PDB file of N, CA and C in Angstrom:
ATOM      1  N   UNK A   1      45.143 149.321 219.075  1.00  0.00           N
ATOM      2  CA  UNK A   1      44.353 149.189 217.814  1.00  0.00           C
ATOM      3  C   UNK A   1      44.868 150.222 216.968  1.00  0.00           C
ATOM      4  N   UNK A   2      45.250 150.108 215.816  1.00  0.00           N
ATOM      5  CA  UNK A   2      45.768 151.306 214.736  1.00  0.00           C
ATOM      6  C   UNK A   2      44.750 151.843 214.384  1.00  0.00           C
ATOM      7  N   UNK A   3      45.596 152.803 213.913  1.00  0.00           N
ATOM      8  CA  UNK A   3      44.560 154.264 213.498  1.00  0.00           C
ATOM      9  C   UNK A   3      43.803 153.570 211.995  1.00  0.00           C
ATOM     10  N   UNK A   4      44.274 153.044 211.111  1.00  0.00           N
ATOM     11  CA  UNK A   4      43.876 152.389 210.298  1.00  0.00           C
ATOM     12  C   UNK A   4      42.380 151.595 210.697  1.00  0.00           C
ATOM     13  N   UNK A   5      42.734 150.659 211.210  1.00  0.00           N
ATOM     14  CA  UNK A   5      41.486 149.883 211.912  1.00  0.00           C
ATOM     15  C   UNK A   5      40.415 150.788 212.274  1.00  0.00           C
ATOM     16  N   UNK A   6      40.495 151.767 213.156  1.00  0.00           N
ATOM     17  CA  UNK A   6      39.612 152.837 213.271  1.00  0.00           C
ATOM     18  C   UNK A   6      38.784 153.316 212.442  1.00  0.00           C
ATOM     19  N   UNK A   7      39.583 153.644 211.265  1.00  0.00           N
ATOM     20  CA  UNK A   7      38.926 154.012 210.106  1.00  0.00           C
ATOM     21  C   UNK A   7      38.263 153.584 209.209  1.00  0.00           C
ATOM     22  N   UNK A   8      38.133 152.007 209.689  1.00  0.00           N
ATOM     23  CA  UNK A   8      37.033 151.291 208.589  1.00  0.00           C
ATOM     24  C   UNK A   8      35.973 151.011 209.177  1.00  0.00           C
ATOM     25  N   UNK A   9      34.523 151.709 208.374  1.00  0.00           N
ATOM     26  CA  UNK A   9      33.511 151.959 209.228  1.00  0.00           C
ATOM     27  C   UNK A   9      32.551 150.321 208.772  1.00  0.00           C
ATOM     28  N   UNK A  10      33.071 150.200 208.061  1.00  0.00           N
ATOM     29  CA  UNK A  10      32.246 148.486 207.746  1.00  0.00           C
ATOM     30  C   UNK A  10      32.751 147.455 208.725  1.00  0.00           C
ATOM     31  N   UNK A  11      31.946 146.457 208.632  1.00  0.00           N
ATOM     32  CA  UNK A  11      32.489 145.206 208.702  1.00  0.00           C
ATOM     33  C   UNK A  11      31.616 144.091 207.785  1.00  0.00           C
ATOM     34  N   UNK A  12      32.522 143.101 208.135  1.00  0.00           N
ATOM     35  CA  UNK A  12      31.773 141.627 206.765  1.00  0.00           C
ATOM     36  C   UNK A  12      33.046 140.272 207.642  1.00  0.00           C
ATOM     37  N   UNK A  13      32.259 139.400 207.151  1.00  0.00           N
ATOM     38  CA  UNK A  13      32.368 137.897 206.967  1.00  0.00           C
ATOM     39  C   UNK A  13      32.660 137.491 205.710  1.00  0.00           C
ATOM     40  N   UNK A  14      33.856 136.560 205.406  1.00  0.00           N
ATOM     41  CA  UNK A  14      34.503 135.913 204.184  1.00  0.00           C
ATOM     42  C   UNK A  14      33.872 134.591 204.775  1.00  0.00           C
ATOM     43  N   UNK A  15      32.905 133.793 203.175  1.00  0.00           N
ATOM     44  CA  UNK A  15      32.866 132.612 203.725  1.00  0.00           C
ATOM     45  C   UNK A  15      32.895 131.854 202.523  1.00  0.00           C
ATOM     46  N   UNK A  16      33.495 130.550 202.473  1.00  0.00           N
ATOM     47  CA  UNK A  16      33.901 129.695 201.549  1.00  0.00           C
ATOM     48  C   UNK A  16      32.667 128.879 201.269  1.00  0.00           C
ATOM     49  N   UNK A  17      32.667 127.988 199.892  1.00  0.00           N
ATOM     50  CA  UNK A  17      31.801 127.089 199.657  1.00  0.00           C
ATOM     51  C   UNK A  17      32.297 125.988 200.170  1.00  0.00           C
ATOM     52  N   UNK A  18      31.570 124.564 200.678  1.00  0.00           N
ATOM     53  CA  UNK A  18      32.270 123.755 201.035  1.00  0.00           C
ATOM     54  C   UNK A  18      31.734 122.511 199.912  1.00  0.00           C
ATOM     55  N   UNK A  19      32.510 121.978 199.251  1.00  0.00           N
ATOM     56  CA  UNK A  19      32.006 121.545 197.672  1.00  0.00           C
ATOM     57  C   UNK A  19      32.504 119.795 198.073  1.00  0.00           C
ATOM     58  N   UNK A  20      31.410 119.193 198.193  1.00  0.00           N
ATOM     59  CA  UNK A  20      31.375 117.892 197.943  1.00  0.00           C
ATOM     60  C   UNK A  20      31.326 116.768 197.408  1.00  0.00           C
ATOM     61  N   UNK A  21      30.645 115.552 197.186  1.00  0.00           N
ATOM     62  CA  UNK A  21      30.417 114.422 196.400  1.00  0.00           C
ATOM     63  C   UNK A  21      29.327 113.773 196.915  1.00  0.00           C
ATOM     64  N   UNK A  22      28.002 113.231 196.224  1.00  0.00           N
ATOM     65  CA  UNK A  22      26.988 112.403 196.967  1.00  0.00           C
ATOM     66  C   UNK A  22      27.654 111.327 196.288  1.00  0.00           C
ATOM     67  N   UNK A  23      26.497 110.403 196.570  1.00  0.00           N
ATOM     68  CA  UNK A  23      26.674 108.883 196.444  1.00  0.00           C
ATOM     69  C   UNK A  23      26.707 108.646 194.714  1.00  0.00           C
ATOM     70  N   UNK A  24      26.098 109.157 193.859  1.00  0.00           N
ATOM     71  CA  UNK A  24      25.993 109.123 192.727  1.00  0.00           C
ATOM     72  C   UNK A  24      27.360 109.860 192.657  1.00  0.00           C
ATOM     73  N   UNK A  25      28.255 110.307 192.922  1.00  0.00           N
ATOM     74  CA  UNK A  25      29.951 111.017 192.498  1.00  0.00           C
ATOM     75  C   UNK A  25      29.379 112.580 192.226  1.00  0.00           C
ATOM     76  N   UNK A  26      28.359 113.057 192.443  1.00  0.00           N
ATOM     77  CA  UNK A  26      27.911 114.401 191.998  1.00  0.00           C
ATOM     78  C   UNK A  26      28.326 115.117 192.571  1.00  0.00           C
ATOM     79  N   UNK A  27      28.500 116.531 192.217  1.00  0.00           N
ATOM     80  CA  UNK A  27      28.927 117.561 193.292  1.00  0.00           C
ATOM     81  C   UNK A  27      28.072 117.953 193.746  1.00  0.00           C
ATOM     82  N   UNK A  28      28.075 118.452 194.979  1.00  0.00           N
ATOM     83  CA  UNK A  28      26.893 119.266 196.273  1.00  0.00           C
ATOM     84  C   UNK A  28      27.900 120.330 196.805  1.00  0.00           C
ATOM     85  N   UNK A  29      26.746 121.072 196.795  1.00  0.00           N
ATOM     86  CA  UNK A  29      27.535 122.452 197.671  1.00  0.00           C
ATOM     87  C   UNK A  29      26.268 122.785 198.709  1.00  0.00           C
ATOM     88  N   UNK A  30      26.519 121.991 199.649  1.00  0.00           N
ATOM     89  CA  UNK A  30      25.635 121.985 201.184  1.00  0.00           C
ATOM     90  C   UNK A  30      25.715 123.590 202.006  1.00  0.00           C
ATOM     91  N   UNK A  31      26.333 124.107 201.838  1.00  0.00           N
ATOM     92  CA  UNK A  31      26.393 125.241 202.587  1.00  0.00           C
ATOM     93  C   UNK A  31      27.951 126.199 202.328  1.00  0.00           C
ATOM     94  N   UNK A  32      28.206 127.349 202.922  1.00  0.00           N
ATOM     95  CA  UNK A  32      29.214 128.371 202.600  1.00  0.00           C
ATOM     96  C   UNK A  32      29.386 128.245 204.334  1.00  0.00           C
ATOM     97  N   UNK A  33      30.393 128.359 204.632  1.00  0.00           N
ATOM     98  CA  UNK A  33      31.193 128.453 206.080  1.00  0.00           C
ATOM     99  C   UNK A  33      32.237 129.435 206.091  1.00  0.00           C
ATOM    100  N   UNK A  34      31.860 130.453 207.519  1.00  0.00           N
ATOM    101  CA  UNK A  34      32.742 131.540 207.878  1.00  0.00           C
ATOM    102  C   UNK A  34      34.086 130.993 207.990  1.00  0.00           C
ATOM    103  N   UNK A  35      35.199 131.930 207.365  1.00  0.00           N
ATOM    104  CA  UNK A  35      36.520 131.644 207.308  1.00  0.00           C
ATOM    105  C   UNK A  35      36.849 132.531 208.261  1.00  0.00           C
ATOM    106  N   UNK A  36      36.310 133.448 208.581  1.00  0.00           N
ATOM    107  CA  UNK A  36      36.502 134.831 209.117  1.00  0.00           C
ATOM    108  C   UNK A  36      35.672 135.186 209.850  1.00  0.00           C
ATOM    109  N   UNK A  37      36.083 135.753 211.393  1.00  0.00           N
ATOM    110  CA  UNK A  37      35.006 136.473 212.215  1.00  0.00           C
ATOM    111  C   UNK A  37      34.790 137.674 211.681  1.00  0.00           C
ATOM    112  N   UNK A  38      34.174 138.529 211.969  1.00  0.00           N
ATOM    113  CA  UNK A  38      33.637 139.656 211.741  1.00  0.00           C
ATOM    114  C   UNK A  38      34.824 140.470 211.723  1.00  0.00           C
ATOM    115  N   UNK A  39      35.296 141.194 210.469  1.00  0.00           N
ATOM    116  CA  UNK A  39      36.322 142.234 210.389  1.00  0.00           C
ATOM    117  C   UNK A  39      36.281 143.538 209.964  1.00  0.00           C
ATOM    118  N   UNK A  40      36.827 144.415 210.596  1.00  0.00           N
ATOM    119  CA  UNK A  40      36.521 145.564 210.234  1.00  0.00           C
ATOM    120  C   UNK A  40      37.190 146.075 208.787  1.00  0.00           C
ATOM    121  N   UNK A  41      36.342 146.567 207.899  1.00  0.00           N
ATOM    122  CA  UNK A  41      36.864 147.109 206.653  1.00  0.00           C
ATOM    123  C   UNK A  41      36.126 148.117 206.122  1.00  0.00           C
ATOM    124  N   UNK A  42      36.865 148.704 204.777  1.00  0.00           N
ATOM    125  CA  UNK A  42      35.735 149.839 203.961  1.00  0.00           C
ATOM    126  C   UNK A  42      35.740 149.226 202.680  1.00  0.00           C
ATOM    127  N   UNK A  43      34.423 149.432 202.073  1.00  0.00           N
ATOM    128  CA  UNK A  43      33.681 149.004 200.953  1.00  0.00           C
ATOM    129  C   UNK A  43      33.698 150.188 200.237  1.00  0.00           C
ATOM    130  N   UNK A  44      34.365 150.030 199.075  1.00  0.00           N
ATOM    131  CA  UNK A  44      34.706 151.190 197.751  1.00  0.00           C
ATOM    132  C   UNK A  44      33.784 150.939 196.685  1.00  0.00           C
ATOM    133  N   UNK A  45      32.407 151.081 196.793  1.00  0.00           N
ATOM    134  CA  UNK A  45      31.611 150.350 195.463  1.00  0.00           C
ATOM    135  C   UNK A  45      31.331 151.429 195.057  1.00  0.00           C
ATOM    136  N   UNK A  46      31.176 151.189 193.356  1.00  0.00           N
ATOM    137  CA  UNK A  46      30.949 152.166 192.502  1.00  0.00           C
ATOM    138  C   UNK A  46      29.336 152.573 192.947  1.00  0.00           C
ATOM    139  N   UNK A  47      28.879 153.952 192.277  1.00  0.00           N
ATOM    140  CA  UNK A  47      27.816 154.089 192.483  1.00  0.00           C
ATOM    141  C   UNK A  47      26.478 153.514 191.571  1.00  0.00           C
ATOM    142  N   UNK A  48      25.296 153.089 191.811  1.00  0.00           N
ATOM    143  CA  UNK A  48      24.287 152.575 191.354  1.00  0.00           C
ATOM    144  C   UNK A  48      24.372 153.052 189.605  1.00  0.00           C
ATOM    145  N   UNK A  49      24.890 154.313 189.417  1.00  0.00           N
ATOM    146  CA  UNK A  49      24.543 154.744 187.474  1.00  0.00           C
ATOM    147  C   UNK A  49      25.694 153.970 187.433  1.00  0.00           C
ATOM    148  N   UNK A  50      26.438 153.685 187.739  1.00  0.00           N
ATOM    149  CA  UNK A  50      28.000 153.475 186.735  1.00  0.00           C
ATOM    150  C   UNK A  50      27.962 151.750 186.681  1.00  0.00           C
ATOM    151  N   UNK A  51      27.206 151.519 187.723  1.00  0.00           N
ATOM    152  CA  UNK A  51      26.791 149.843 187.804  1.00  0.00           C
ATOM    153  C   UNK A  51      26.124 149.525 186.661  1.00  0.00           C
ATOM    154  N   UNK A  52      24.855 150.446 186.770  1.00  0.00           N
ATOM    155  CA  UNK A  52      23.829 149.848 185.543  1.00  0.00           C
ATOM    156  C   UNK A  52      24.547 150.349 184.434  1.00  0.00           C
ATOM    157  N   UNK A  53      25.111 151.425 184.264  1.00  0.00           N
ATOM    158  CA  UNK A  53      25.708 151.693 183.052  1.00  0.00           C
ATOM    159  C   UNK A  53      26.483 150.291 182.106  1.00  0.00           C
ATOM    160  N   UNK A  54      27.550 150.008 182.893  1.00  0.00           N
ATOM    161  CA  UNK A  54      28.289 149.036 182.295  1.00  0.00           C
ATOM    162  C   UNK A  54      27.985 147.625 182.451  1.00  0.00           C
ATOM    163  N   UNK A  55      26.572 147.405 183.379  1.00  0.00           N
ATOM    164  CA  UNK A  55      25.839 146.364 183.101  1.00  0.00           C
ATOM    165  C   UNK A  55      24.863 146.388 181.613  1.00  0.00           C
ATOM    166  N   UNK A  56      24.756 147.525 181.179  1.00  0.00           N
ATOM    167  CA  UNK A  56      23.976 148.018 179.467  1.00  0.00           C
ATOM    168  C   UNK A  56      24.992 146.879 178.684  1.00  0.00           C
ATOM    169  N   UNK A  57      26.438 147.281 179.392  1.00  0.00           N
ATOM    170  CA  UNK A  57      27.515 147.214 178.040  1.00  0.00           C
ATOM    171  C   UNK A  57      28.126 145.641 178.313  1.00  0.00           C
ATOM    172  N   UNK A  58      27.590 144.995 179.075  1.00  0.00           N
ATOM    173  CA  UNK A  58      28.071 143.579 179.654  1.00  0.00           C
ATOM    174  C   UNK A  58      29.042 143.371 180.065  1.00  0.00           C
ATOM    175  N   UNK A  59      29.290 144.501 181.010  1.00  0.00           N
ATOM    176  CA  UNK A  59      30.647 144.777 181.598  1.00  0.00           C
ATOM    177  C   UNK A  59      30.334 144.728 183.350  1.00  0.00           C
ATOM    178  N   UNK A  60      31.338 144.284 183.925  1.00  0.00           N
ATOM    179  CA  UNK A  60      30.855 144.457 185.571  1.00  0.00           C
ATOM    180  C   UNK A  60      32.008 145.195 186.485  1.00  0.00           C
ATOM    181  N   UNK A  61      31.631 145.829 187.052  1.00  0.00           N
ATOM    182  CA  UNK A  61      32.517 146.995 187.743  1.00  0.00           C
ATOM    183  C   UNK A  61      32.740 146.210 189.139  1.00  0.00           C
ATOM    184  N   UNK A  62      33.845 146.038 189.686  1.00  0.00           N
ATOM    185  CA  UNK A  62      34.342 145.701 190.842  1.00  0.00           C
ATOM    186  C   UNK A  62      34.343 146.501 191.937  1.00  0.00           C
ATOM    187  N   UNK A  63      34.220 146.228 192.833  1.00  0.00           N
ATOM    188  CA  UNK A  63      34.288 146.713 194.340  1.00  0.00           C
ATOM    189  C   UNK A  63      35.559 146.683 195.229  1.00  0.00           C
ATOM    190  N   UNK A  64      36.424 147.490 195.571  1.00  0.00           N
ATOM    191  CA  UNK A  64      37.578 147.045 196.661  1.00  0.00           C
ATOM    192  C   UNK A  64      36.927 147.510 197.421  1.00  0.00           C
ATOM    193  N   UNK A  65      37.919 146.244 198.369  1.00  0.00           N
ATOM    194  CA  UNK A  65      37.121 146.024 200.109  1.00  0.00           C
ATOM    195  C   UNK A  65      38.526 146.334 200.562  1.00  0.00           C
ATOM    196  N   UNK A  66      38.790 147.156 201.553  1.00  0.00           N
ATOM    197  CA  UNK A  66      40.247 147.068 202.366  1.00  0.00           C
ATOM    198  C   UNK A  66      39.993 146.497 203.530  1.00  0.00           C
ATOM    199  N   UNK A  67      40.839 145.967 204.336  1.00  0.00           N
ATOM    200  CA  UNK A  67      40.879 145.554 205.703  1.00  0.00           C
ATOM    201  C   UNK A  67      42.341 145.999 206.636  1.00  0.00           C
ATOM    202  N   UNK A  68      42.197 146.257 207.546  1.00  0.00           N
ATOM    203  CA  UNK A  68      43.321 145.954 208.506  1.00  0.00           C
ATOM    204  C   UNK A  68      44.226 144.874 208.985  1.00  0.00           C
ATOM    205  N   UNK A  69      43.438 143.628 208.462  1.00  0.00           N
ATOM    206  CA  UNK A  69      44.092 142.485 208.932  1.00  0.00           C
ATOM    207  C   UNK A  69      43.946 141.514 207.631  1.00  0.00           C
ATOM    208  N   UNK A  70      44.415 140.445 207.336  1.00  0.00           N
ATOM    209  CA  UNK A  70      44.464 139.499 206.168  1.00  0.00           C
ATOM    210  C   UNK A  70      43.036 138.817 206.116  1.00  0.00           C
ATOM    211  N   UNK A  71      42.362 139.227 205.336  1.00  0.00           N
ATOM    212  CA  UNK A  71      41.144 138.623 205.105  1.00  0.00           C
ATOM    213  C   UNK A  71      40.740 137.218 205.014  1.00  0.00           C
ATOM    214  N   UNK A  72      41.760 136.418 204.411  1.00  0.00           N
ATOM    215  CA  UNK A  72      41.801 135.339 204.118  1.00  0.00           C
ATOM    216  C   UNK A  72      40.998 134.654 202.775  1.00  0.00           C
ATOM    217  N   UNK A  73      40.619 135.895 202.305  1.00  0.00           N
ATOM    218  CA  UNK A  73      39.741 135.689 201.340  1.00  0.00           C
ATOM    219  C   UNK A  73      40.669 134.795 199.762  1.00  0.00           C
ATOM    220  N   UNK A  74      39.858 134.115 199.435  1.00  0.00           N
ATOM    221  CA  UNK A  74      40.127 133.555 197.975  1.00  0.00           C
ATOM    222  C   UNK A  74      39.299 133.786 196.932  1.00  0.00           C
ATOM    223  N   UNK A  75      39.944 133.389 195.578  1.00  0.00           N
ATOM    224  CA  UNK A  75      38.720 133.762 194.172  1.00  0.00           C
ATOM    225  C   UNK A  75      37.385 132.706 194.736  1.00  0.00           C
ATOM    226  N   UNK A  76      36.136 133.270 194.383  1.00  0.00           N
ATOM    227  CA  UNK A  76      35.199 132.562 194.711  1.00  0.00           C
ATOM    228  C   UNK A  76      34.612 132.379 195.906  1.00  0.00           C
ATOM    229  N   UNK A  77      34.972 133.107 196.915  1.00  0.00           N
ATOM    230  CA  UNK A  77      34.484 133.448 197.989  1.00  0.00           C
ATOM    231  C   UNK A  77      33.333 134.420 197.922  1.00  0.00           C
ATOM    232  N   UNK A  78      32.379 134.327 199.259  1.00  0.00           N
ATOM    233  CA  UNK A  78      31.740 135.097 199.057  1.00  0.00           C
ATOM    234  C   UNK A  78      32.081 135.932 200.377  1.00  0.00           C
ATOM    235  N   UNK A  79      31.480 137.262 200.095  1.00  0.00           N
ATOM    236  CA  UNK A  79      32.030 138.279 201.528  1.00  0.00           C
ATOM    237  C   UNK A  79      30.567 138.824 201.726  1.00  0.00           C
ATOM    238  N   UNK A  80      30.546 138.624 202.688  1.00  0.00           N
ATOM    239  CA  UNK A  80      29.209 139.958 203.212  1.00  0.00           C
ATOM    240  C   UNK A  80      29.093 140.615 203.783  1.00  0.00           C
ATOM    241  N   UNK A  81      29.034 141.637 203.678  1.00  0.00           N
ATOM    242  CA  UNK A  81      29.711 142.935 204.458  1.00  0.00           C
ATOM    243  C   UNK A  81      28.395 144.287 204.906  1.00  0.00           C
ATOM    244  N   UNK A  82      28.542 144.747 205.846  1.00  0.00           N
ATOM    245  CA  UNK A  82      27.776 145.392 206.575  1.00  0.00           C
ATOM    246  C   UNK A  82      28.443 146.702 206.822  1.00  0.00           C
ATOM    247  N   UNK A  83      27.420 147.704 206.155  1.00  0.00           N
ATOM    248  CA  UNK A  83      28.153 149.305 206.076  1.00  0.00           C
ATOM    249  C   UNK A  83      27.679 150.093 207.331  1.00  0.00           C
ATOM    250  N   UNK A  84      28.280 151.205 207.637  1.00  0.00           N
ATOM    251  CA  UNK A  84      27.822 151.637 208.690  1.00  0.00           C
ATOM    252  C   UNK A  84      26.032 152.288 209.165  1.00  0.00           C
ATOM    253  N   UNK A  85      25.689 152.094 207.964  1.00  0.00           N
ATOM    254  CA  UNK A  85      23.879 152.508 208.321  1.00  0.00           C
ATOM    255  C   UNK A  85      23.265 150.705 208.181  1.00  0.00           C
ATOM    256  N   UNK A  86      23.755 149.833 208.372  1.00  0.00           N
ATOM    257  CA  UNK A  86      23.098 148.406 208.847  1.00  0.00           C
ATOM    258  C   UNK A  86      22.780 147.815 207.495  1.00  0.00           C
ATOM    259  N   UNK A  87      22.995 148.437 206.165  1.00  0.00           N
ATOM    260  CA  UNK A  87      23.045 147.523 204.829  1.00  0.00           C
ATOM    261  C   UNK A  87      23.971 146.543 204.917  1.00  0.00           C
ATOM    262  N   UNK A  88      23.644 145.369 204.958  1.00  0.00           N
ATOM    263  CA  UNK A  88      24.016 144.086 204.203  1.00  0.00           C
ATOM    264  C   UNK A  88      24.226 143.912 202.864  1.00  0.00           C
ATOM    265  N   UNK A  89      25.171 143.845 202.326  1.00  0.00           N
ATOM    266  CA  UNK A  89      25.452 143.455 200.648  1.00  0.00           C
ATOM    267  C   UNK A  89      26.633 142.375 201.060  1.00  0.00           C
ATOM    268  N   UNK A  90      26.138 141.309 199.628  1.00  0.00           N
ATOM    269  CA  UNK A  90      26.418 140.042 199.385  1.00  0.00           C
ATOM    270  C   UNK A  90      27.765 140.266 198.056  1.00  0.00           C
ATOM    271  N   UNK A  91      29.247 140.265 198.033  1.00  0.00           N
ATOM    272  CA  UNK A  91      29.829 140.088 197.150  1.00  0.00           C
ATOM    273  C   UNK A  91      30.287 138.861 196.928  1.00  0.00           C
ATOM    274  N   UNK A  92      30.834 138.635 195.276  1.00  0.00           N
ATOM    275  CA  UNK A  92      31.730 137.222 194.907  1.00  0.00           C
ATOM    276  C   UNK A  92      33.457 138.035 194.735  1.00  0.00           C
ATOM    277  N   UNK A  93      33.696 137.368 195.522  1.00  0.00           N
ATOM    278  CA  UNK A  93      35.340 137.770 195.497  1.00  0.00           C
ATOM    279  C   UNK A  93      36.183 136.983 194.257  1.00  0.00           C
ATOM    280  N   UNK A  94      36.419 138.368 193.477  1.00  0.00           N
ATOM    281  CA  UNK A  94      37.152 137.968 192.220  1.00  0.00           C
ATOM    282  C   UNK A  94      38.782 138.221 192.068  1.00  0.00           C
ATOM    283  N   UNK A  95      39.182 138.719 193.495  1.00  0.00           N
ATOM    284  CA  UNK A  95      40.949 139.026 193.220  1.00  0.00           C
ATOM    285  C   UNK A  95      41.287 139.099 194.904  1.00  0.00           C
ATOM    286  N   UNK A  96      42.553 139.053 195.073  1.00  0.00           N
ATOM    287  CA  UNK A  96      43.086 139.795 196.257  1.00  0.00           C
ATOM    288  C   UNK A  96      44.445 140.455 195.700  1.00  0.00           C
ATOM    289  N   UNK A  97      44.668 141.046 196.579  1.00  0.00           N
ATOM    290  CA  UNK A  97      45.909 142.032 196.473  1.00  0.00           C
ATOM    291  C   UNK A  97      47.131 141.913 197.521  1.00  0.00           C
ATOM    292  N   UNK A  98      48.199 141.923 197.504  1.00  0.00           N
ATOM    293  CA  UNK A  98      49.410 141.835 198.330  1.00  0.00           C
ATOM    294  C   UNK A  98      48.964 143.050 199.482  1.00  0.00           C
ATOM    295  N   UNK A  99      49.972 142.835 200.631  1.00  0.00           N
ATOM    296  CA  UNK A  99      49.092 144.017 201.372  1.00  0.00           C
ATOM    297  C   UNK A  99      50.001 145.256 201.080  1.00  0.00           C
ATOM    298  N   UNK A 100      49.293 146.101 201.478  1.00  0.00           N
ATOM    299  CA  UNK A 100      49.386 147.764 200.921  1.00  0.00           C
ATOM    300  C   UNK A 100      50.079 148.360 202.190  1.00  0.00           C
ATOM    301  N   UNK A 101      51.157 149.085 201.757  1.00  0.00           N
ATOM    302  CA  UNK A 101      51.750 150.284 203.104  1.00  0.00           C
ATOM    303  C   UNK A 101      52.105 149.078 204.220  1.00  0.00           C
ATOM    304  N   UNK A 102      53.501 148.563 203.754  1.00  0.00           N
ATOM    305  CA  UNK A 102      54.288 147.930 204.558  1.00  0.00           C
ATOM    306  C   UNK A 102      53.318 146.630 205.496  1.00  0.00           C
ATOM    307  N   UNK A 103      52.371 146.235 204.648  1.00  0.00           N
ATOM    308  CA  UNK A 103      51.518 145.269 205.602  1.00  0.00           C
ATOM    309  C   UNK A 103      50.565 145.447 206.703  1.00  0.00           C
ATOM    310  N   UNK A 104      49.853 147.174 206.084  1.00  0.00           N
ATOM    311  CA  UNK A 104      49.160 147.185 207.183  1.00  0.00           C
ATOM    312  C   UNK A 104      47.198 147.195 206.869  1.00  0.00           C
ATOM    313  N   UNK A 105      47.292 147.367 205.285  1.00  0.00           N
ATOM    314  CA  UNK A 105      45.790 146.997 204.743  1.00  0.00           C
ATOM    315  C   UNK A 105      46.164 146.341 203.790  1.00  0.00           C
ATOM    316  N   UNK A 106      45.306 145.393 203.610  1.00  0.00           N
ATOM    317  CA  UNK A 106      44.870 144.285 202.639  1.00  0.00           C
ATOM    318  C   UNK A 106      43.695 144.697 201.699  1.00  0.00           C
ATOM    319  N   UNK A 107      43.973 144.376 200.606  1.00  0.00           N
ATOM    320  CA  UNK A 107      42.589 144.506 199.764  1.00  0.00           C
ATOM    321  C   UNK A 107      42.044 143.536 198.984  1.00  0.00           C
ATOM    322  N   UNK A 108      40.716 143.354 198.426  1.00  0.00           N
ATOM    323  CA  UNK A 108      40.444 142.408 197.680  1.00  0.00           C
ATOM    324  C   UNK A 108      39.151 143.046 196.806  1.00  0.00           C
ATOM    325  N   UNK A 109      39.331 142.338 195.537  1.00  0.00           N
ATOM    326  CA  UNK A 109      38.205 142.716 194.832  1.00  0.00           C
ATOM    327  C   UNK A 109      36.934 141.968 194.489  1.00  0.00           C
ATOM    328  N   UNK A 110      35.816 142.672 194.406  1.00  0.00           N
ATOM    329  CA  UNK A 110      34.940 141.729 194.473  1.00  0.00           C
ATOM    330  C   UNK A 110      33.424 142.453 193.675  1.00  0.00           C
ATOM    331  N   UNK A 111      32.783 141.680 193.169  1.00  0.00           N
ATOM    332  CA  UNK A 111      31.741 142.085 192.583  1.00  0.00           C
ATOM    333  C   UNK A 111      30.577 141.966 193.263  1.00  0.00           C
ATOM    334  N   UNK A 112      29.756 142.839 193.148  1.00  0.00           N
ATOM    335  CA  UNK A 112      28.428 143.263 193.913  1.00  0.00           C
ATOM    336  C   UNK A 112      27.598 142.108 193.556  1.00  0.00           C
ATOM    337  N   UNK A 113      26.844 141.259 194.127  1.00  0.00           N
ATOM    338  CA  UNK A 113      25.819 140.165 193.794  1.00  0.00           C
ATOM    339  C   UNK A 113      24.524 140.679 194.291  1.00  0.00           C
ATOM    340  N   UNK A 114      23.864 141.231 193.505  1.00  0.00           N
ATOM    341  CA  UNK A 114      22.491 142.287 193.468  1.00  0.00           C
ATOM    342  C   UNK A 114      21.600 141.185 193.878  1.00  0.00           C
ATOM    343  N   UNK A 115      20.580 140.944 194.956  1.00  0.00           N
ATOM    344  CA  UNK A 115      19.789 140.320 195.281  1.00  0.00           C
ATOM    345  C   UNK A 115      17.975 140.666 195.328  1.00  0.00           C
ATOM    346  N   UNK A 116      17.262 139.922 194.896  1.00  0.00           N
ATOM    347  CA  UNK A 116      15.970 140.502 194.744  1.00  0.00           C
ATOM    348  C   UNK A 116      15.533 140.567 196.103  1.00  0.00           C
ATOM    349  N   UNK A 117      14.689 141.849 196.032  1.00  0.00           N
ATOM    350  CA  UNK A 117      13.977 142.385 197.337  1.00  0.00           C
ATOM    351  C   UNK A 117      12.488 142.628 196.955  1.00  0.00           C
ATOM    352  N   UNK A 118      11.850 143.118 198.076  1.00  0.00           N
ATOM    353  CA  UNK A 118      10.278 143.770 197.720  1.00  0.00           C
ATOM    354  C   UNK A 118      10.328 144.767 196.732  1.00  0.00           C
ATOM    355  N   UNK A 119       9.621 144.454 195.630  1.00  0.00           N
ATOM    356  CA  UNK A 119       9.253 145.927 194.939  1.00  0.00           C
ATOM    357  C   UNK A 119       9.869 145.532 193.841  1.00  0.00           C
ATOM    358  N   UNK A 120      11.085 144.636 193.679  1.00  0.00           N
ATOM    359  CA  UNK A 120      12.043 144.100 192.316  1.00  0.00           C
ATOM    360  C   UNK A 120      11.416 143.011 192.066  1.00  0.00           C
ATOM    361  N   UNK A 121      10.702 142.493 192.204  1.00  0.00           N
ATOM    362  CA  UNK A 121      10.223 141.233 191.252  1.00  0.00           C
ATOM    363  C   UNK A 121      10.549 139.744 192.271  1.00  0.00           C
ATOM    364  N   UNK A 122      11.318 140.454 193.410  1.00  0.00           N
ATOM    365  CA  UNK A 122      12.273 139.170 193.816  1.00  0.00           C
ATOM    366  C   UNK A 122      11.375 138.579 195.034  1.00  0.00           C
ATOM    367  N   UNK A 123      11.667 137.700 196.067  1.00  0.00           N
ATOM    368  CA  UNK A 123      11.219 137.125 197.083  1.00  0.00           C
ATOM    369  C   UNK A 123      10.791 138.200 197.915  1.00  0.00           C
ATOM    370  N   UNK A 124       9.346 138.532 199.001  1.00  0.00           N
ATOM    371  CA  UNK A 124       9.509 139.631 199.756  1.00  0.00           C
ATOM    372  C   UNK A 124       9.911 139.203 201.183  1.00  0.00           C
TER     373      UNK A 124
END
C-alpha cells in the first residue's frame, strides 16, 4: 500500500442512478447502484460558515475529494463519504480531474447535499 493511500482518512462509495423507461415511456429512476467498492479518500470540504455565506448569494461551494485510485465517478453521480469520526455526508459529483502527481492521486469536485435531520424541520 502506498503512502498516499494511508494518508486518506475517509472512505466513500460512488453511486450511479439507473435510468429506465416505464410502459408509458416515462423516465424512471428506481435506485442508485454502487459503481465502486469502499474507497479510501480525503474529503476537503469548506466550513459551514463559507457554505452558508455563499448560499445567501445563490452560489454553490464545491468540495474537493481526493482518491488513491480511480473512483470511476462521472458527472451527476452520487458520492457517499464517511469521515474518520463516522459522520456520513452525501455529495453530487460536479466534475472530475485527471490524475495528479503521475497518476498517484485522483480528484473529483462535488457539491454537498444537505439532508434534513432532527431539529432541522426534517424527517426524524
